[in-house]
C-alpha cells in the first residue's frame, strides 16, 4: 500500500536557483520518507525544463517530485527555514493521492 504526495515548488525569478537547490534538496537526504522510518529516496525535486512546447522559455521556475508517505509539514518547515531573497513569492503546490487538485502553501509572508 502507498500514499503518494505530488509536489510542485514555484521559486521566484529573484532567487539564485543554482545556489538554493542544494538547500531545498538537503531535506531529501536527511529525513526518512516512509512509515517504517526507512529512506525510500534521497532524490530531491527536479526542475522542469526551461524549454517547453511552443518555442518559448518557460516563464516560471518550477521543481517537481512525487513521494510515498511524504512528511509534508516537516518539508514546509524546512522550506521556511531557508533564507530566500523573496520568500513571499515561494509557493508549494501539494496534491495527495486522493486529492483532485493541488492546495497551495505560501512559504513566506505576503
PDB file of N, CA and C in Angstrom:
ATOM      1  N   UNK A   1       0.843  -1.183   0.000  1.00  0.00           N
ATOM      2  CA  UNK A   1       0.000   0.000   0.000  1.00  0.00           C
ATOM      3  C   UNK A   1       0.887   1.245   0.000  1.00  0.00           C
ATOM      4  N   UNK A   2       0.412   2.282  -0.648  1.00  0.00           N
ATOM      5  CA  UNK A   2       1.189   3.511  -0.701  1.00  0.00           C
ATOM      6  C   UNK A   2       0.268   4.713  -0.534  1.00  0.00           C
ATOM      7  N   UNK A   3       0.877   5.842  -0.278  1.00  0.00           N
ATOM      8  CA  UNK A   3       0.172   7.122  -0.209  1.00  0.00           C
ATOM      9  C   UNK A   3       1.117   8.151  -0.831  1.00  0.00           C
ATOM     10  N   UNK A   4       0.850   8.489  -2.082  1.00  0.00           N
ATOM     11  CA  UNK A   4       1.759   9.331  -2.841  1.00  0.00           C
ATOM     12  C   UNK A   4       1.352  10.801  -2.726  1.00  0.00           C
ATOM     13  N   UNK A   5       2.350  11.633  -2.476  1.00  0.00           N
ATOM     14  CA  UNK A   5       2.168  13.076  -2.461  1.00  0.00           C
ATOM     15  C   UNK A   5       2.948  13.651  -3.644  1.00  0.00           C
ATOM     16  N   UNK A   6       2.256  14.416  -4.486  1.00  0.00           N
ATOM     17  CA  UNK A   6       2.873  15.073  -5.625  1.00  0.00           C
ATOM     18  C   UNK A   6       3.141  16.521  -5.241  1.00  0.00           C
ATOM     19  N   UNK A   7       4.369  16.983  -5.530  1.00  0.00           N
ATOM     20  CA  UNK A   7       4.784  18.327  -5.153  1.00  0.00           C
ATOM     21  C   UNK A   7       5.228  19.123  -6.371  1.00  0.00           C
ATOM     22  N   UNK A   8       4.899  20.412  -6.358  1.00  0.00           N
ATOM     23  CA  UNK A   8       5.462  21.377  -7.303  1.00  0.00           C
ATOM     24  C   UNK A   8       5.898  22.577  -6.472  1.00  0.00           C
ATOM     25  N   UNK A   9       7.137  22.963  -6.613  1.00  0.00           N
ATOM     26  CA  UNK A   9       7.666  24.121  -5.899  1.00  0.00           C
ATOM     27  C   UNK A   9       7.926  25.225  -6.913  1.00  0.00           C
ATOM     28  N   UNK A  10       7.235  26.352  -6.725  1.00  0.00           N
ATOM     29  CA  UNK A  10       7.449  27.513  -7.581  1.00  0.00           C
ATOM     30  C   UNK A  10       8.413  28.449  -6.864  1.00  0.00           C
ATOM     31  N   UNK A  11       9.502  28.790  -7.538  1.00  0.00           N
ATOM     32  CA  UNK A  11      10.548  29.637  -6.977  1.00  0.00           C
ATOM     33  C   UNK A  11      10.611  30.933  -7.787  1.00  0.00           C
ATOM     34  N   UNK A  12      10.660  32.041  -7.116  1.00  0.00           N
ATOM     35  CA  UNK A  12      10.695  33.352  -7.764  1.00  0.00           C
ATOM     36  C   UNK A  12      11.922  33.493  -8.665  1.00  0.00           C
ATOM     37  N   UNK A  13      11.779  34.277  -9.725  1.00  0.00           N
ATOM     38  CA  UNK A  13      12.912  34.566 -10.606  1.00  0.00           C
ATOM     39  C   UNK A  13      13.962  35.422  -9.895  1.00  0.00           C
ATOM     40  N   UNK A  14      13.617  35.952  -8.729  1.00  0.00           N
ATOM     41  CA  UNK A  14      14.569  36.740  -7.943  1.00  0.00           C
ATOM     42  C   UNK A  14      15.577  35.862  -7.203  1.00  0.00           C
ATOM     43  N   UNK A  15      15.310  34.562  -7.148  1.00  0.00           N
ATOM     44  CA  UNK A  15      16.173  33.637  -6.413  1.00  0.00           C
ATOM     45  C   UNK A  15      17.311  33.118  -7.281  1.00  0.00           C
ATOM     46  N   UNK A  16      18.437  32.857  -6.649  1.00  0.00           N
ATOM     47  CA  UNK A  16      19.565  32.186  -7.297  1.00  0.00           C
ATOM     48  C   UNK A  16      19.330  30.683  -7.153  1.00  0.00           C
ATOM     49  N   UNK A  17      18.639  30.110  -8.116  1.00  0.00           N
ATOM     50  CA  UNK A  17      18.190  28.726  -8.028  1.00  0.00           C
ATOM     51  C   UNK A  17      19.345  27.747  -7.861  1.00  0.00           C
ATOM     52  N   UNK A  18      20.428  27.983  -8.588  1.00  0.00           N
ATOM     53  CA  UNK A  18      21.557  27.052  -8.512  1.00  0.00           C
ATOM     54  C   UNK A  18      22.121  26.983  -7.098  1.00  0.00           C
ATOM     55  N   UNK A  19      22.123  28.101  -6.402  1.00  0.00           N
ATOM     56  CA  UNK A  19      22.643  28.140  -5.034  1.00  0.00           C
ATOM     57  C   UNK A  19      21.649  27.565  -4.033  1.00  0.00           C
ATOM     58  N   UNK A  20      20.352  27.728  -4.297  1.00  0.00           N
ATOM     59  CA  UNK A  20      19.337  27.292  -3.342  1.00  0.00           C
ATOM     60  C   UNK A  20      18.883  25.854  -3.527  1.00  0.00           C
ATOM     61  N   UNK A  21      19.070  25.294  -4.706  1.00  0.00           N
ATOM     62  CA  UNK A  21      18.628  23.918  -4.953  1.00  0.00           C
ATOM     63  C   UNK A  21      19.227  22.936  -3.949  1.00  0.00           C
ATOM     64  N   UNK A  22      20.526  23.008  -3.635  1.00  0.00           N
ATOM     65  CA  UNK A  22      21.057  22.094  -2.620  1.00  0.00           C
ATOM     66  C   UNK A  22      20.403  22.287  -1.248  1.00  0.00           C
ATOM     67  N   UNK A  23      20.070  23.517  -0.903  1.00  0.00           N
ATOM     68  CA  UNK A  23      19.414  23.773   0.388  1.00  0.00           C
ATOM     69  C   UNK A  23      18.017  23.164   0.414  1.00  0.00           C
ATOM     70  N   UNK A  24      17.286  23.306  -0.666  1.00  0.00           N
ATOM     71  CA  UNK A  24      15.945  22.710  -0.745  1.00  0.00           C
ATOM     72  C   UNK A  24      16.047  21.191  -0.671  1.00  0.00           C
ATOM     73  N   UNK A  25      16.943  20.617  -1.465  1.00  0.00           N
ATOM     74  CA  UNK A  25      17.022  19.163  -1.572  1.00  0.00           C
ATOM     75  C   UNK A  25      17.777  18.492  -0.437  1.00  0.00           C
ATOM     76  N   UNK A  26      18.385  19.265   0.453  1.00  0.00           N
ATOM     77  CA  UNK A  26      19.024  18.677   1.636  1.00  0.00           C
ATOM     78  C   UNK A  26      18.007  17.912   2.470  1.00  0.00           C
ATOM     79  N   UNK A  27      16.773  18.335   2.432  1.00  0.00           N
ATOM     80  CA  UNK A  27      15.713  17.650   3.170  1.00  0.00           C
ATOM     81  C   UNK A  27      15.606  16.186   2.786  1.00  0.00           C
ATOM     82  N   UNK A  28      15.788  15.892   1.520  1.00  0.00           N
ATOM     83  CA  UNK A  28      15.550  14.549   0.998  1.00  0.00           C
ATOM     84  C   UNK A  28      16.630  13.545   1.403  1.00  0.00           C
ATOM     85  N   UNK A  29      17.773  14.017   1.816  1.00  0.00           N
ATOM     86  CA  UNK A  29      18.809  13.098   2.284  1.00  0.00           C
ATOM     87  C   UNK A  29      18.867  13.032   3.805  1.00  0.00           C
ATOM     88  N   UNK A  30      18.149  13.943   4.464  1.00  0.00           N
ATOM     89  CA  UNK A  30      18.240  13.995   5.923  1.00  0.00           C
ATOM     90  C   UNK A  30      17.008  13.473   6.644  1.00  0.00           C
ATOM     91  N   UNK A  31      15.944  13.175   5.917  1.00  0.00           N
ATOM     92  CA  UNK A  31      14.716  12.768   6.586  1.00  0.00           C
ATOM     93  C   UNK A  31      14.175  11.473   5.985  1.00  0.00           C
ATOM     94  N   UNK A  32      13.829  10.486   6.827  1.00  0.00           N
ATOM     95  CA  UNK A  32      13.233   9.247   6.303  1.00  0.00           C
ATOM     96  C   UNK A  32      11.865   9.539   5.676  1.00  0.00           C
ATOM     97  N   UNK A  33      11.554   8.852   4.598  1.00  0.00           N
ATOM     98  CA  UNK A  33      10.331   9.140   3.869  1.00  0.00           C
ATOM     99  C   UNK A  33       9.342   7.988   3.846  1.00  0.00           C
ATOM    100  N   UNK A  34       9.359   7.147   4.828  1.00  0.00           N
ATOM    101  CA  UNK A  34       8.370   6.081   4.840  1.00  0.00           C
ATOM    102  C   UNK A  34       7.824   5.898   6.248  1.00  0.00           C
ATOM    103  N   UNK A  35       6.724   5.203   6.313  1.00  0.00           N
ATOM    104  CA  UNK A  35       6.062   4.979   7.591  1.00  0.00           C
ATOM    105  C   UNK A  35       6.967   4.233   8.561  1.00  0.00           C
ATOM    106  N   UNK A  36       7.747   3.276   8.065  1.00  0.00           N
ATOM    107  CA  UNK A  36       8.608   2.494   8.961  1.00  0.00           C
ATOM    108  C   UNK A  36       9.962   3.147   9.210  1.00  0.00           C
ATOM    109  N   UNK A  37      10.169   4.355   8.711  1.00  0.00           N
ATOM    110  CA  UNK A  37      11.393   5.093   9.000  1.00  0.00           C
ATOM    111  C   UNK A  37      12.537   4.848   8.047  1.00  0.00           C
ATOM    112  N   UNK A  38      12.332   4.028   7.030  1.00  0.00           N
ATOM    113  CA  UNK A  38      13.408   3.776   6.078  1.00  0.00           C
ATOM    114  C   UNK A  38      13.401   4.836   4.979  1.00  0.00           C
ATOM    115  N   UNK A  39      14.561   5.126   4.473  1.00  0.00           N
ATOM    116  CA  UNK A  39      14.692   6.125   3.421  1.00  0.00           C
ATOM    117  C   UNK A  39      14.316   5.492   2.089  1.00  0.00           C
ATOM    118  N   UNK A  40      13.269   6.012   1.451  1.00  0.00           N
ATOM    119  CA  UNK A  40      12.837   5.455   0.175  1.00  0.00           C
ATOM    120  C   UNK A  40      13.590   6.063  -0.996  1.00  0.00           C
ATOM    121  N   UNK A  41      13.896   7.342  -0.896  1.00  0.00           N
ATOM    122  CA  UNK A  41      14.573   8.011  -1.993  1.00  0.00           C
ATOM    123  C   UNK A  41      15.273   9.239  -1.454  1.00  0.00           C
ATOM    124  N   UNK A  42      16.503   9.448  -1.877  1.00  0.00           N
ATOM    125  CA  UNK A  42      17.185  10.679  -1.500  1.00  0.00           C
ATOM    126  C   UNK A  42      17.211  11.644  -2.683  1.00  0.00           C
ATOM    127  N   UNK A  43      16.384  11.355  -3.692  1.00  0.00           N
ATOM    128  CA  UNK A  43      16.302  12.232  -4.848  1.00  0.00           C
ATOM    129  C   UNK A  43      15.393  13.403  -4.520  1.00  0.00           C
ATOM    130  N   UNK A  44      15.914  14.592  -4.704  1.00  0.00           N
ATOM    131  CA  UNK A  44      15.144  15.781  -4.413  1.00  0.00           C
ATOM    132  C   UNK A  44      14.249  16.184  -5.572  1.00  0.00           C
ATOM    133  N   UNK A  45      13.701  17.368  -5.460  1.00  0.00           N
ATOM    134  CA  UNK A  45      12.838  17.890  -6.510  1.00  0.00           C
ATOM    135  C   UNK A  45      13.651  18.154  -7.775  1.00  0.00           C
ATOM    136  N   UNK A  46      13.039  17.884  -8.919  1.00  0.00           N
ATOM    137  CA  UNK A  46      13.710  18.063 -10.209  1.00  0.00           C
ATOM    138  C   UNK A  46      13.140  19.284 -10.922  1.00  0.00           C
ATOM    139  N   UNK A  47      13.997  20.081 -11.571  1.00  0.00           N
ATOM    140  CA  UNK A  47      13.499  21.250 -12.295  1.00  0.00           C
ATOM    141  C   UNK A  47      12.767  20.861 -13.573  1.00  0.00           C
ATOM    142  N   UNK A  48      11.716  21.607 -13.888  1.00  0.00           N
ATOM    143  CA  UNK A  48      11.065  21.470 -15.189  1.00  0.00           C
ATOM    144  C   UNK A  48      11.944  22.210 -16.188  1.00  0.00           C
ATOM    145  N   UNK A  49      12.105  21.640 -17.347  1.00  0.00           N
ATOM    146  CA  UNK A  49      12.960  22.227 -18.380  1.00  0.00           C
ATOM    147  C   UNK A  49      12.518  23.635 -18.726  1.00  0.00           C
ATOM    148  N   UNK A  50      13.480  24.476 -19.007  1.00  0.00           N
ATOM    149  CA  UNK A  50      13.194  25.848 -19.408  1.00  0.00           C
ATOM    150  C   UNK A  50      12.703  25.932 -20.848  1.00  0.00           C
ATOM    151  N   UNK A  51      12.806  24.835 -21.603  1.00  0.00           N
ATOM    152  CA  UNK A  51      12.304  24.813 -22.968  1.00  0.00           C
ATOM    153  C   UNK A  51      11.053  23.942 -22.982  1.00  0.00           C
ATOM    154  N   UNK A  52       9.953  24.540 -23.376  1.00  0.00           N
ATOM    155  CA  UNK A  52       8.679  23.832 -23.399  1.00  0.00           C
ATOM    156  C   UNK A  52       8.073  23.948 -24.790  1.00  0.00           C
ATOM    157  N   UNK A  53       7.083  23.127 -25.110  1.00  0.00           N
ATOM    158  CA  UNK A  53       6.441  23.251 -26.423  1.00  0.00           C
ATOM    159  C   UNK A  53       5.956  24.675 -26.663  1.00  0.00           C
ATOM    160  N   UNK A  54       6.055  25.115 -27.881  1.00  0.00           N
ATOM    161  CA  UNK A  54       5.651  26.463 -28.254  1.00  0.00           C
ATOM    162  C   UNK A  54       6.844  27.334 -28.583  1.00  0.00           C
ATOM    163  N   UNK A  55       8.044  26.818 -28.309  1.00  0.00           N
ATOM    164  CA  UNK A  55       9.252  27.537 -28.687  1.00  0.00           C
ATOM    165  C   UNK A  55       9.618  28.704 -27.805  1.00  0.00           C
ATOM    166  N   UNK A  56       8.948  28.869 -26.684  1.00  0.00           N
ATOM    167  CA  UNK A  56       9.233  29.977 -25.776  1.00  0.00           C
ATOM    168  C   UNK A  56       9.833  29.444 -24.484  1.00  0.00           C
ATOM    169  N   UNK A  57      10.579  30.294 -23.803  1.00  0.00           N
ATOM    170  CA  UNK A  57      11.109  29.901 -22.491  1.00  0.00           C
ATOM    171  C   UNK A  57       9.972  29.825 -21.491  1.00  0.00           C
ATOM    172  N   UNK A  58      10.038  28.829 -20.639  1.00  0.00           N
ATOM    173  CA  UNK A  58       9.054  28.670 -19.573  1.00  0.00           C
ATOM    174  C   UNK A  58       9.203  29.852 -18.622  1.00  0.00           C
ATOM    175  N   UNK A  59       8.127  30.548 -18.340  1.00  0.00           N
ATOM    176  CA  UNK A  59       8.181  31.799 -17.585  1.00  0.00           C
ATOM    177  C   UNK A  59       8.209  31.650 -16.085  1.00  0.00           C
ATOM    178  N   UNK A  60       8.400  30.441 -15.584  1.00  0.00           N
ATOM    179  CA  UNK A  60       8.429  30.221 -14.137  1.00  0.00           C
ATOM    180  C   UNK A  60       9.503  29.194 -13.805  1.00  0.00           C
ATOM    181  N   UNK A  61      10.006  29.279 -12.600  1.00  0.00           N
ATOM    182  CA  UNK A  61      10.961  28.273 -12.118  1.00  0.00           C
ATOM    183  C   UNK A  61      10.180  27.302 -11.249  1.00  0.00           C
ATOM    184  N   UNK A  62      10.014  26.085 -11.753  1.00  0.00           N
ATOM    185  CA  UNK A  62       9.194  25.090 -11.078  1.00  0.00           C
ATOM    186  C   UNK A  62       9.998  23.803 -10.930  1.00  0.00           C
ATOM    187  N   UNK A  63       9.901  23.214  -9.750  1.00  0.00           N
ATOM    188  CA  UNK A  63      10.538  21.941  -9.438  1.00  0.00           C
ATOM    189  C   UNK A  63       9.451  20.958  -9.046  1.00  0.00           C
ATOM    190  N   UNK A  64       9.616  19.688  -9.407  1.00  0.00           N
ATOM    191  CA  UNK A  64       8.566  18.699  -9.175  1.00  0.00           C
ATOM    192  C   UNK A  64       9.129  17.429  -8.546  1.00  0.00           C
ATOM    193  N   UNK A  65       8.238  16.675  -7.916  1.00  0.00           N
ATOM    194  CA  UNK A  65       8.587  15.376  -7.361  1.00  0.00           C
ATOM    195  C   UNK A  65       7.336  14.681  -6.853  1.00  0.00           C
ATOM    196  N   UNK A  66       7.421  13.361  -6.669  1.00  0.00           N
ATOM    197  CA  UNK A  66       6.326  12.573  -6.111  1.00  0.00           C
ATOM    198  C   UNK A  66       6.943  11.572  -5.137  1.00  0.00           C
ATOM    199  N   UNK A  67       6.381  11.508  -3.927  1.00  0.00           N
ATOM    200  CA  UNK A  67       6.986  10.720  -2.853  1.00  0.00           C
ATOM    201  C   UNK A  67       5.923   9.954  -2.077  1.00  0.00           C
ATOM    202  N   UNK A  68       6.317   8.814  -1.582  1.00  0.00           N
ATOM    203  CA  UNK A  68       5.427   7.951  -0.813  1.00  0.00           C
ATOM    204  C   UNK A  68       5.502   8.306   0.668  1.00  0.00           C
ATOM    205  N   UNK A  69       4.345   8.446   1.305  1.00  0.00           N
ATOM    206  CA  UNK A  69       4.253   8.779   2.734  1.00  0.00           C
ATOM    207  C   UNK A  69       5.146   9.963   3.082  1.00  0.00           C
ATOM    208  N   UNK A  70       4.983  11.039   2.356  1.00  0.00           N
ATOM    209  CA  UNK A  70       5.851  12.200   2.497  1.00  0.00           C
ATOM    210  C   UNK A  70       5.473  13.041   3.713  1.00  0.00           C
ATOM    211  N   UNK A  71       6.451  13.449   4.528  1.00  0.00           N
ATOM    212  CA  UNK A  71       6.193  14.273   5.722  1.00  0.00           C
ATOM    213  C   UNK A  71       6.058  15.757   5.339  1.00  0.00           C
ATOM    214  N   UNK A  72       4.915  16.120   4.799  1.00  0.00           N
ATOM    215  CA  UNK A  72       4.736  17.433   4.190  1.00  0.00           C
ATOM    216  C   UNK A  72       4.948  18.576   5.176  1.00  0.00           C
ATOM    217  N   UNK A  73       4.463  18.458   6.398  1.00  0.00           N
ATOM    218  CA  UNK A  73       4.615  19.560   7.361  1.00  0.00           C
ATOM    219  C   UNK A  73       6.087  19.800   7.686  1.00  0.00           C
ATOM    220  N   UNK A  74       6.856  18.741   7.789  1.00  0.00           N
ATOM    221  CA  UNK A  74       8.291  18.889   8.058  1.00  0.00           C
ATOM    222  C   UNK A  74       9.005  19.525   6.860  1.00  0.00           C
ATOM    223  N   UNK A  75       8.557  19.184   5.645  1.00  0.00           N
ATOM    224  CA  UNK A  75       9.144  19.792   4.458  1.00  0.00           C
ATOM    225  C   UNK A  75       8.799  21.285   4.388  1.00  0.00           C
ATOM    226  N   UNK A  76       7.575  21.636   4.728  1.00  0.00           N
ATOM    227  CA  UNK A  76       7.186  23.050   4.749  1.00  0.00           C
ATOM    228  C   UNK A  76       8.041  23.807   5.766  1.00  0.00           C
ATOM    229  N   UNK A  77       8.243  23.224   6.946  1.00  0.00           N
ATOM    230  CA  UNK A  77       9.124  23.844   7.949  1.00  0.00           C
ATOM    231  C   UNK A  77      10.528  24.023   7.391  1.00  0.00           C
ATOM    232  N   UNK A  78      11.011  23.001   6.683  1.00  0.00           N
ATOM    233  CA  UNK A  78      12.347  23.079   6.070  1.00  0.00           C
ATOM    234  C   UNK A  78      12.416  24.232   5.071  1.00  0.00           C
ATOM    235  N   UNK A  79      11.415  24.322   4.187  1.00  0.00           N
ATOM    236  CA  UNK A  79      11.412  25.404   3.198  1.00  0.00           C
ATOM    237  C   UNK A  79      11.381  26.770   3.866  1.00  0.00           C
ATOM    238  N   UNK A  80      10.650  26.880   4.952  1.00  0.00           N
ATOM    239  CA  UNK A  80      10.558  28.159   5.663  1.00  0.00           C
ATOM    240  C   UNK A  80      11.851  28.502   6.392  1.00  0.00           C
ATOM    241  N   UNK A  81      12.711  27.524   6.615  1.00  0.00           N
ATOM    242  CA  UNK A  81      13.988  27.782   7.292  1.00  0.00           C
ATOM    243  C   UNK A  81      15.064  28.296   6.325  1.00  0.00           C
ATOM    244  N   UNK A  82      14.816  28.192   5.035  1.00  0.00           N
ATOM    245  CA  UNK A  82      15.780  28.638   4.028  1.00  0.00           C
ATOM    246  C   UNK A  82      15.726  30.159   3.913  1.00  0.00           C
ATOM    247  N   UNK A  83      16.875  30.780   3.732  1.00  0.00           N
ATOM    248  CA  UNK A  83      16.938  32.231   3.567  1.00  0.00           C
ATOM    249  C   UNK A  83      16.735  32.593   2.096  1.00  0.00           C
ATOM    250  N   UNK A  84      15.481  32.806   1.735  1.00  0.00           N
ATOM    251  CA  UNK A  84      15.110  33.187   0.382  1.00  0.00           C
ATOM    252  C   UNK A  84      15.322  34.682   0.195  1.00  0.00           C
ATOM    253  N   UNK A  85      15.586  35.090  -1.025  1.00  0.00           N
ATOM    254  CA  UNK A  85      15.658  36.519  -1.354  1.00  0.00           C
ATOM    255  C   UNK A  85      14.274  37.150  -1.245  1.00  0.00           C
ATOM    256  N   UNK A  86      13.268  36.430  -1.731  1.00  0.00           N
ATOM    257  CA  UNK A  86      11.894  36.943  -1.739  1.00  0.00           C
ATOM    258  C   UNK A  86      10.944  35.821  -1.328  1.00  0.00           C
ATOM    259  N   UNK A  87      10.906  35.487  -0.036  1.00  0.00           N
ATOM    260  CA  UNK A  87      10.098  34.345   0.411  1.00  0.00           C
ATOM    261  C   UNK A  87       8.608  34.490   0.132  1.00  0.00           C
ATOM    262  N   UNK A  88       8.137  35.716  -0.001  1.00  0.00           N
ATOM    263  CA  UNK A  88       6.715  35.931  -0.251  1.00  0.00           C
ATOM    264  C   UNK A  88       6.269  35.401  -1.616  1.00  0.00           C
ATOM    265  N   UNK A  89       7.228  35.102  -2.502  1.00  0.00           N
ATOM    266  CA  UNK A  89       6.896  34.592  -3.828  1.00  0.00           C
ATOM    267  C   UNK A  89       7.126  33.085  -3.975  1.00  0.00           C
ATOM    268  N   UNK A  90       7.489  32.418  -2.897  1.00  0.00           N
ATOM    269  CA  UNK A  90       7.741  30.977  -2.943  1.00  0.00           C
ATOM    270  C   UNK A  90       6.441  30.252  -2.623  1.00  0.00           C
ATOM    271  N   UNK A  91       6.029  29.350  -3.529  1.00  0.00           N
ATOM    272  CA  UNK A  91       4.785  28.606  -3.359  1.00  0.00           C
ATOM    273  C   UNK A  91       5.044  27.117  -3.503  1.00  0.00           C
ATOM    274  N   UNK A  92       4.405  26.342  -2.638  1.00  0.00           N
ATOM    275  CA  UNK A  92       4.466  24.887  -2.731  1.00  0.00           C
ATOM    276  C   UNK A  92       3.066  24.385  -3.068  1.00  0.00           C
ATOM    277  N   UNK A  93       2.953  23.654  -4.168  1.00  0.00           N
ATOM    278  CA  UNK A  93       1.684  23.056  -4.576  1.00  0.00           C
ATOM    279  C   UNK A  93       1.726  21.589  -4.152  1.00  0.00           C
ATOM    280  N   UNK A  94       0.705  21.158  -3.415  1.00  0.00           N
ATOM    281  CA  UNK A  94       0.684  19.819  -2.821  1.00  0.00           C
ATOM    282  C   UNK A  94      -0.600  19.102  -3.242  1.00  0.00           C
ATOM    283  N   UNK A  95      -0.459  17.875  -3.741  1.00  0.00           N
ATOM    284  CA  UNK A  95      -1.622  17.051  -4.065  1.00  0.00           C
ATOM    285  C   UNK A  95      -1.378  15.648  -3.520  1.00  0.00           C
ATOM    286  N   UNK A  96      -2.197  15.275  -2.558  1.00  0.00           N
ATOM    287  CA  UNK A  96      -2.113  13.926  -2.020  1.00  0.00           C
ATOM    288  C   UNK A  96      -2.863  12.958  -2.929  1.00  0.00           C
ATOM    289  N   UNK A  97      -2.649  11.679  -2.687  1.00  0.00           N
ATOM    290  CA  UNK A  97      -3.127  10.627  -3.574  1.00  0.00           C
ATOM    291  C   UNK A  97      -4.625  10.711  -3.896  1.00  0.00           C
ATOM    292  N   UNK A  98      -5.445  11.017  -2.945  1.00  0.00           N
ATOM    293  CA  UNK A  98      -6.885  11.028  -3.190  1.00  0.00           C
ATOM    294  C   UNK A  98      -7.431  12.418  -3.501  1.00  0.00           C
ATOM    295  N   UNK A  99      -6.563  13.415  -3.601  1.00  0.00           N
ATOM    296  CA  UNK A  99      -6.999  14.771  -3.933  1.00  0.00           C
ATOM    297  C   UNK A  99      -7.272  14.884  -5.432  1.00  0.00           C
ATOM    298  N   UNK A 100      -8.158  15.810  -5.782  1.00  0.00           N
ATOM    299  CA  UNK A 100      -8.469  16.057  -7.188  1.00  0.00           C
ATOM    300  C   UNK A 100      -7.819  17.324  -7.700  1.00  0.00           C
ATOM    301  N   UNK A 101      -7.200  18.075  -6.793  1.00  0.00           N
ATOM    302  CA  UNK A 101      -6.499  19.290  -7.191  1.00  0.00           C
ATOM    303  C   UNK A 101      -5.391  19.577  -6.178  1.00  0.00           C
ATOM    304  N   UNK A 102      -4.542  20.527  -6.532  1.00  0.00           N
ATOM    305  CA  UNK A 102      -3.454  20.933  -5.652  1.00  0.00           C
ATOM    306  C   UNK A 102      -3.963  21.936  -4.629  1.00  0.00           C
ATOM    307  N   UNK A 103      -3.338  21.935  -3.456  1.00  0.00           N
ATOM    308  CA  UNK A 103      -3.523  23.026  -2.497  1.00  0.00           C
ATOM    309  C   UNK A 103      -2.226  23.816  -2.533  1.00  0.00           C
ATOM    310  N   UNK A 104      -2.307  25.108  -2.274  1.00  0.00           N
ATOM    311  CA  UNK A 104      -1.142  25.977  -2.354  1.00  0.00           C
ATOM    312  C   UNK A 104      -0.727  26.397  -0.957  1.00  0.00           C
ATOM    313  N   UNK A 105       0.567  26.248  -0.672  1.00  0.00           N
ATOM    314  CA  UNK A 105       1.142  26.686   0.588  1.00  0.00           C
ATOM    315  C   UNK A 105       2.078  27.844   0.281  1.00  0.00           C
ATOM    316  N   UNK A 106       1.784  29.011   0.833  1.00  0.00           N
ATOM    317  CA  UNK A 106       2.676  30.165   0.702  1.00  0.00           C
ATOM    318  C   UNK A 106       3.799  29.986   1.715  1.00  0.00           C
ATOM    319  N   UNK A 107       5.027  29.918   1.256  1.00  0.00           N
ATOM    320  CA  UNK A 107       6.157  29.654   2.144  1.00  0.00           C
ATOM    321  C   UNK A 107       6.508  30.878   2.978  1.00  0.00           C
ATOM    322  N   UNK A 108       6.477  32.050   2.382  1.00  0.00           N
ATOM    323  CA  UNK A 108       6.764  33.272   3.124  1.00  0.00           C
ATOM    324  C   UNK A 108       5.516  34.090   3.344  1.00  0.00           C
ATOM    325  N   UNK A 109       5.675  35.129   4.093  1.00  0.00           N
ATOM    326  CA  UNK A 109       4.561  36.033   4.345  1.00  0.00           C
ATOM    327  C   UNK A 109       4.403  36.964   3.142  1.00  0.00           C
ATOM    328  N   UNK A 110       3.162  37.221   2.764  1.00  0.00           N
ATOM    329  CA  UNK A 110       2.930  38.128   1.633  1.00  0.00           C
ATOM    330  C   UNK A 110       2.597  39.526   2.121  1.00  0.00           C
TER     331      UNK A 110
END
